Amino acid sequence: MSSVRASRAPALSSVLLLAVTLAGPAVPVGPRPEVARGSRSAAAARSGAETHPITFFDARAFAAARARVDGQPARPMRGARAIIVPHHWLAGDLILGGLRDAAAGARAAGRPITRVILLGPNHVQAGRADVITSDRSWNTPFGPVEVDRAAVERLVRGGIALSQPVVLSYEHSVAGLVPAVALQLPGARIVPLAVRRDLGPPRAAAAGEAVAALAREGTLIVASIDFSHGLVAAAARERNARTLALLRALDVRAMHRLAADHAEHLDGPGAAAVLVVAVRRLGATRFALRADATSADFGGPPSDVTSYLTGYYH
């Protein structure tokens, strides 16, 4: 998990403890009424004021990325139904810039973004299901980010996801992006989803269909995915070219095959498969590339890089 850099180090021990505490046999995606009942009962027992902690926020890294993005004009993503951004804050420009440009495109079309389906990998495979969600909101330095509880409940009732809030509190692909959503998409509610990397084809298809069904007007799917890990920059760029071809071809089968070598291509093949199923269902089959880069381009060393592909489906 080389995408975890210095800004996340204080929470690393918590992440490892979480993996030991919550890891167990995954609950398959599919109708499981006993899972849904248990999650609803737990949610009903909790106070509505209970929120997630802010576990992956580095104020200096965030401010630096924000200053760089604010210094560049927006490039509106016209017609975007889904975007891909990293969760590695060394490349925070790509996170904040991607969300800003998606918002600009939506405003230009007169359809502001009011909900985000935030889809990321479950890095440590924590929790008891293939797809983990939460009905808790976040308080961020830029204001609260409310969860769309009705949408979360729909996914839980349908057996698509299991609500285990503690998993999302310590999953940086989701929790790490919530402050950026608060800043760039103020007022938007979120549907947070962390997906196991080894999610099989039938389960990914069910999850992708469910995500597409929620993606009505005003909803943006945000796939929080980093790409190759631990390679030298030249090799990472070669892997990016292969993965980009799969993203453009909407090749779900190939995405599943990447689960065995996720560090070579991307850290979230399960999340990527769900994304591809969803955009195919929505008819958003064209991918516009915005960035093909590595951490070396953002001041990191040229070896042991994390690579990034960002862009949007429209």
Protein backbone atom coordinates (compact mmCIF):
# COMPACT_ATOMS: atom_id res chain seq x y z
CA MET A 1 0.00 0.00 0.00
CA SER A 2 2.67 2.44 -1.07
CA SER A 3 0.12 5.18 -1.70
CA VAL A 4 0.07 5.75 2.06
CA ARG A 5 2.66 8.50 2.52
CA ALA A 6 3.71 10.75 5.38
CA SER A 7 0.38 12.56 5.61
CA ARG A 8 -1.30 9.27 6.51
CA ALA A 9 1.37 7.82 8.77
CA PRO A 10 -0.27 8.82 12.09
CA ALA A 11 -3.31 6.69 11.24
CA LEU A 12 -1.41 3.69 9.88
CA SER A 13 -1.43 1.77 13.14
CA SER A 14 -5.17 2.34 13.39
CA VAL A 15 -5.65 0.98 9.86
CA LEU A 16 -3.67 -2.15 10.67
CA LEU A 17 -5.60 -2.67 13.89
CA LEU A 18 -8.83 -2.23 11.98
CA ALA A 19 -7.81 -4.91 9.50
CA VAL A 20 -7.04 -7.37 12.29
CA THR A 21 -10.23 -6.52 14.18
CA LEU A 22 -12.74 -6.50 11.34
CA ALA A 23 -11.32 -8.77 8.65
CA GLY A 24 -13.29 -11.92 8.12
CA PRO A 25 -15.14 -13.89 5.49
CA ALA A 26 -16.70 -11.45 3.05
CA VAL A 27 -20.45 -11.40 2.76
CA PRO A 28 -21.27 -12.02 -0.94
CA VAL A 29 -23.21 -9.35 -2.80
CA GLY A 30 -26.79 -10.48 -3.28
CA PRO A 31 -30.05 -10.47 -1.36
CA ARG A 32 -29.20 -11.15 2.29
CA PRO A 33 -32.12 -10.01 4.46
CA GLU A 34 -30.36 -11.00 7.67
CA VAL A 35 -27.51 -8.55 6.90
CA ALA A 36 -29.92 -5.77 6.05
CA ARG A 37 -31.95 -6.26 9.23
CA GLY A 38 -28.87 -6.15 11.40
CA SER A 39 -27.59 -2.95 9.79
CA ARG A 40 -30.96 -1.21 10.10
CA SER A 41 -31.24 -2.11 13.77
CA ALA A 42 -27.77 -0.78 14.49
CA ALA A 43 -28.49 2.44 12.59
CA ALA A 44 -31.74 2.98 14.44
CA ALA A 45 -30.00 2.55 17.79
CA ARG A 46 -27.34 5.15 17.04
CA SER A 47 -27.74 8.86 17.64
CA GLY A 48 -28.34 10.83 14.47
CA ALA A 49 -25.61 13.23 15.59
CA GLU A 50 -22.86 10.60 15.52
CA THR A 51 -20.27 11.36 12.85
CA HIS A 52 -17.07 9.99 11.41
CA PRO A 53 -13.76 11.39 12.67
CA ILE A 54 -11.53 13.21 10.20
CA THR A 55 -8.71 10.69 9.99
CA PHE A 56 -6.85 11.56 6.78
CA PHE A 57 -6.53 15.32 6.57
CA ASP A 58 -3.17 17.06 6.27
CA ALA A 59 -3.90 20.79 6.41
CA ARG A 60 -0.59 21.81 4.81
CA ALA A 61 -0.83 19.36 1.90
CA PHE A 62 -4.45 20.33 1.34
CA ALA A 63 -3.71 24.07 1.41
CA ALA A 64 -0.80 23.70 -1.01
CA ALA A 65 -2.89 21.72 -3.49
CA ARG A 66 -5.74 24.18 -3.15
CA ALA A 67 -3.48 27.14 -3.88
CA ARG A 68 -2.12 25.49 -7.02
CA VAL A 69 -5.60 24.58 -8.27
CA ASP A 70 -7.03 28.01 -7.50
CA GLY A 71 -4.20 29.51 -9.54
CA GLN A 72 -5.36 27.69 -12.68
CA PRO A 73 -8.57 28.30 -14.64
CA ALA A 74 -11.30 25.69 -14.41
CA ARG A 75 -11.65 23.22 -17.28
CA PRO A 76 -15.33 22.23 -17.09
CA MET A 77 -16.10 18.54 -17.59
CA ARG A 78 -19.15 18.77 -19.79
CA GLY A 79 -21.65 15.96 -19.43
CA ALA A 80 -19.61 14.09 -16.82
CA ARG A 81 -21.47 11.21 -15.17
CA ALA A 82 -18.42 9.74 -13.44
CA ILE A 83 -14.87 10.90 -12.75
CA ILE A 84 -11.67 9.18 -11.67
CA VAL A 85 -9.37 10.96 -9.22
CA PRO A 86 -6.56 9.68 -6.97
CA HIS A 87 -6.61 9.42 -3.19
CA HIS A 88 -2.85 9.97 -2.82
CA TRP A 89 -2.57 13.54 -1.52
CA LEU A 90 0.86 14.09 -2.98
CA ALA A 91 -1.22 14.55 -6.14
CA GLY A 92 -3.85 16.65 -4.36
CA ASP A 93 -4.00 18.96 -7.39
CA LEU A 94 -5.63 16.14 -9.34
CA ILE A 95 -8.19 15.50 -6.60
CA LEU A 96 -9.26 19.10 -6.03
CA GLY A 97 -8.97 20.01 -9.70
CA GLY A 98 -11.03 17.04 -10.82
CA LEU A 99 -13.86 17.80 -8.41
CA ARG A 100 -13.77 21.52 -9.24
CA ASP A 101 -13.92 20.86 -13.00
CA ALA A 102 -16.76 18.36 -12.64
CA ALA A 103 -18.71 20.93 -10.62
CA ALA A 104 -17.98 23.63 -13.21
CA GLY A 105 -19.27 21.43 -16.03
CA ALA A 106 -22.46 20.63 -14.13
CA ARG A 107 -23.11 24.29 -13.32
CA ALA A 108 -22.57 25.29 -16.94
CA ALA A 109 -25.22 22.78 -17.95
CA GLY A 110 -27.64 24.09 -15.31
CA ARG A 111 -27.54 20.79 -13.41
CA PRO A 112 -25.50 21.32 -10.22
CA ILE A 113 -24.16 18.26 -8.40
CA THR A 114 -26.24 17.52 -5.31
CA ARG A 115 -25.05 13.99 -4.58
CA VAL A 116 -21.76 12.09 -4.91
CA ILE A 117 -21.41 8.33 -5.00
CA LEU A 118 -17.89 8.04 -3.59
CA LEU A 119 -16.41 4.73 -4.70
CA GLY A 120 -12.98 3.54 -3.54
CA PRO A 121 -10.98 0.40 -2.82
CA ASN A 122 -11.05 -1.30 0.56
CA HIS A 123 -7.26 -1.36 0.87
CA VAL A 124 -6.96 -3.68 3.87
CA GLN A 125 -10.00 -5.81 3.01
CA ALA A 126 -11.58 -4.84 6.35
CA GLY A 127 -15.14 -5.62 7.25
CA ARG A 128 -17.56 -8.46 6.66
CA ALA A 129 -18.80 -7.75 3.15
CA ASP A 130 -17.58 -7.14 -0.39
CA VAL A 131 -18.96 -3.59 -0.36
CA ILE A 132 -18.89 -1.53 2.84
CA THR A 133 -20.90 1.64 3.40
CA SER A 134 -21.93 3.92 6.26
CA ASP A 135 -24.94 5.97 7.31
CA ARG A 136 -22.83 8.43 9.31
CA SER A 137 -21.88 11.89 8.13
CA TRP A 138 -18.56 13.76 8.40
CA ASN A 139 -17.71 17.11 9.95
CA THR A 140 -14.85 18.61 7.95
CA PRO A 141 -12.83 21.84 8.17
CA PHE A 142 -15.00 23.08 5.28
CA GLY A 143 -18.35 22.20 6.80
CA PRO A 144 -20.43 19.05 7.22
CA VAL A 145 -20.82 16.41 4.53
CA GLU A 146 -24.11 14.62 4.96
CA VAL A 147 -24.68 11.03 3.89
CA ASP A 148 -27.69 10.21 1.74
CA ARG A 149 -29.14 7.79 4.26
CA ALA A 150 -32.06 6.77 2.05
CA ALA A 151 -29.66 5.68 -0.70
CA VAL A 152 -27.45 3.85 1.79
CA GLU A 153 -30.47 2.07 3.22
CA ARG A 154 -31.54 1.07 -0.28
CA LEU A 155 -28.16 -0.53 -0.93
CA VAL A 156 -28.19 -2.31 2.42
CA ARG A 157 -31.74 -3.61 1.97
CA GLY A 158 -30.86 -4.91 -1.46
CA GLY A 159 -27.88 -6.84 -0.12
CA ILE A 160 -25.47 -4.74 -2.18
CA ALA A 161 -23.58 -3.28 0.78
CA LEU A 162 -23.15 -3.67 4.53
CA SER A 163 -23.05 -0.66 6.85
CA GLN A 164 -19.89 -0.78 8.99
CA PRO A 165 -19.00 2.86 9.71
CA VAL A 166 -15.69 2.14 11.45
CA VAL A 167 -14.31 0.66 8.22
CA LEU A 168 -14.95 3.88 6.32
CA SER A 169 -13.52 6.00 9.12
CA TYR A 170 -10.14 4.39 8.44
CA GLU A 171 -10.30 3.81 4.68
CA HIS A 172 -8.34 6.63 3.08
CA SER A 173 -9.80 6.15 -0.41
CA VAL A 174 -13.11 7.36 1.04
CA ALA A 175 -12.41 9.30 4.23
CA GLY A 176 -9.45 11.08 2.64
CA LEU A 177 -11.64 12.60 -0.08
CA VAL A 178 -14.52 13.81 2.07
CA PRO A 179 -12.89 17.21 2.89
CA ALA A 180 -12.30 17.75 -0.85
CA VAL A 181 -15.98 17.04 -1.56
CA ALA A 182 -16.94 19.52 1.17
CA LEU A 183 -14.78 22.24 -0.40
CA GLN A 184 -15.52 21.74 -4.09
CA LEU A 185 -19.10 20.44 -3.94
CA PRO A 186 -20.59 22.23 -0.91
CA GLY A 187 -23.96 20.88 0.12
CA ALA A 188 -23.66 17.66 -1.88
CA ARG A 189 -24.62 14.52 0.02
CA ILE A 190 -22.53 11.40 -0.38
CA VAL A 191 -23.06 7.67 -0.72
CA PRO A 192 -19.73 6.21 0.49
CA LEU A 193 -18.67 2.77 -0.78
CA ALA A 194 -15.45 0.82 -0.17
CA VAL A 195 -15.05 -2.21 -2.46
CA ARG A 196 -12.83 -5.26 -2.00
CA ARG A 197 -10.24 -5.68 -4.73
CA ASP A 198 -11.20 -9.33 -5.35
CA LEU A 199 -14.88 -8.62 -5.99
CA GLY A 200 -16.02 -11.27 -8.49
CA PRO A 201 -17.85 -10.56 -11.78
CA PRO A 202 -21.42 -11.36 -10.63
CA ARG A 203 -21.04 -9.26 -7.50
CA ALA A 204 -19.44 -6.37 -9.39
CA ALA A 205 -22.27 -6.48 -11.91
CA ALA A 206 -24.89 -6.29 -9.15
CA ALA A 207 -23.09 -3.43 -7.41
CA GLY A 208 -22.54 -1.53 -10.67
CA GLU A 209 -26.20 -1.85 -11.62
CA ALA A 210 -27.22 -0.59 -8.17
CA VAL A 211 -24.86 2.39 -8.44
CA ALA A 212 -26.24 3.24 -11.89
CA ALA A 213 -29.79 3.06 -10.55
CA LEU A 214 -28.90 5.70 -7.95
CA ALA A 215 -27.12 7.98 -10.42
CA ARG A 216 -30.07 10.16 -11.31
CA GLU A 217 -29.70 13.77 -12.47
CA GLY A 218 -27.52 15.74 -10.09
CA THR A 219 -25.49 12.70 -9.04
CA LEU A 220 -21.79 12.30 -9.83
CA ILE A 221 -19.92 9.02 -9.41
CA VAL A 222 -16.44 9.72 -8.05
CA ALA A 223 -14.06 6.77 -8.33
CA SER A 224 -11.17 7.31 -5.92
CA ILE A 225 -8.46 5.09 -7.43
CA ASP A 226 -4.68 5.15 -7.54
CA PHE A 227 -2.98 3.12 -10.22
CA SER A 228 0.37 1.29 -10.29
CA HIS A 229 2.47 1.09 -7.12
CA GLY A 230 6.10 0.36 -6.34
CA LEU A 231 7.51 0.62 -9.87
CA VAL A 232 10.00 2.98 -11.44
CA ALA A 233 8.36 5.88 -13.28
CA ALA A 234 8.95 4.50 -16.80
CA ALA A 235 7.39 1.13 -15.94
CA ALA A 236 4.47 2.83 -14.22
CA ARG A 237 3.72 4.84 -17.34
CA GLU A 238 3.73 1.65 -19.40
CA ARG A 239 1.20 0.07 -17.01
CA ASN A 240 -0.90 3.23 -17.17
CA ALA A 241 -1.13 2.92 -20.95
CA ARG A 242 -2.47 -0.63 -20.64
CA THR A 243 -4.96 0.28 -17.93
CA LEU A 244 -6.15 3.35 -19.82
CA ALA A 245 -6.96 1.13 -22.79
CA LEU A 246 -9.14 -1.04 -20.53
CA LEU A 247 -10.91 1.98 -19.08
CA ARG A 248 -11.67 3.28 -22.56
CA ALA A 249 -12.80 -0.14 -23.79
CA LEU A 250 -15.00 -0.63 -20.70
CA ASP A 251 -13.43 -4.08 -20.39
CA VAL A 252 -14.94 -5.46 -17.19
CA ARG A 253 -13.43 -8.94 -17.59
CA ALA A 254 -9.92 -7.51 -17.82
CA MET A 255 -10.54 -5.38 -14.74
CA HIS A 256 -11.29 -8.52 -12.78
CA ARG A 257 -8.09 -10.16 -14.00
CA LEU A 258 -6.11 -7.26 -12.56
CA ALA A 259 -7.15 -8.28 -9.04
CA ALA A 260 -4.23 -10.72 -8.90
CA ASP A 261 -1.60 -8.07 -9.63
CA HIS A 262 -3.25 -4.90 -8.34
CA ALA A 263 0.04 -3.27 -7.36
CA GLU A 264 1.20 -3.53 -10.97
CA HIS A 265 -1.77 -1.70 -12.47
CA LEU A 266 -4.20 -0.23 -9.92
CA ASP A 267 -5.10 -0.53 -6.27
CA GLY A 268 -8.83 -0.92 -6.79
CA PRO A 269 -9.76 -3.41 -9.52
CA GLY A 270 -13.02 -4.21 -7.74
CA ALA A 271 -13.97 -0.53 -7.54
CA ALA A 272 -12.94 -0.04 -11.17
CA ALA A 273 -15.13 -2.96 -12.26
CA VAL A 274 -18.14 -1.49 -10.42
CA LEU A 275 -17.44 1.88 -12.07
CA VAL A 276 -17.25 0.39 -15.56
CA VAL A 277 -20.49 -1.58 -15.10
CA ALA A 278 -22.23 1.59 -13.86
CA VAL A 279 -21.14 3.87 -16.69
CA ARG A 280 -22.02 1.25 -19.28
CA ARG A 281 -25.49 1.04 -17.78
CA LEU A 282 -25.77 4.84 -17.85
CA GLY A 283 -24.63 5.03 -21.47
CA ALA A 284 -21.66 7.22 -20.48
CA THR A 285 -19.23 5.21 -22.59
CA ARG A 286 -16.69 7.85 -23.61
CA PHE A 287 -13.69 8.47 -21.39
CA ALA A 288 -11.90 11.83 -21.57
CA LEU A 289 -8.39 11.65 -20.14
CA ARG A 290 -7.27 14.60 -18.02
CA ALA A 291 -3.97 13.39 -16.52
CA ASP A 292 -1.55 10.49 -16.97
CA ALA A 293 1.15 11.01 -14.34
CA THR A 294 3.17 9.55 -11.50
CA SER A 295 4.17 10.72 -8.04
CA ALA A 296 7.57 11.64 -9.54
CA ASP A 297 5.77 14.43 -11.41
CA PHE A 298 4.69 15.86 -8.05
CA GLY A 299 8.09 15.87 -6.39
CA GLY A 300 8.34 12.21 -5.36
CA PRO A 301 11.35 10.03 -6.19
CA PRO A 302 11.50 8.38 -9.65
CA SER A 303 11.46 4.92 -8.08
CA ASP A 304 8.70 3.32 -6.00
CA VAL A 305 6.12 5.60 -7.58
CA THR A 306 2.35 5.71 -7.41
CA SER A 307 0.78 6.44 -10.77
CA TYR A 308 -2.42 8.30 -11.62
CA LEU A 309 -4.98 8.35 -14.39
CA THR A 310 -7.69 10.97 -14.10
CA GLY A 311 -10.56 11.83 -16.37
CA TYR A 312 -14.29 11.50 -16.79
CA TYR A 313 -16.95 9.38 -18.44
CA HIS A 314 -19.57 11.21 -20.42
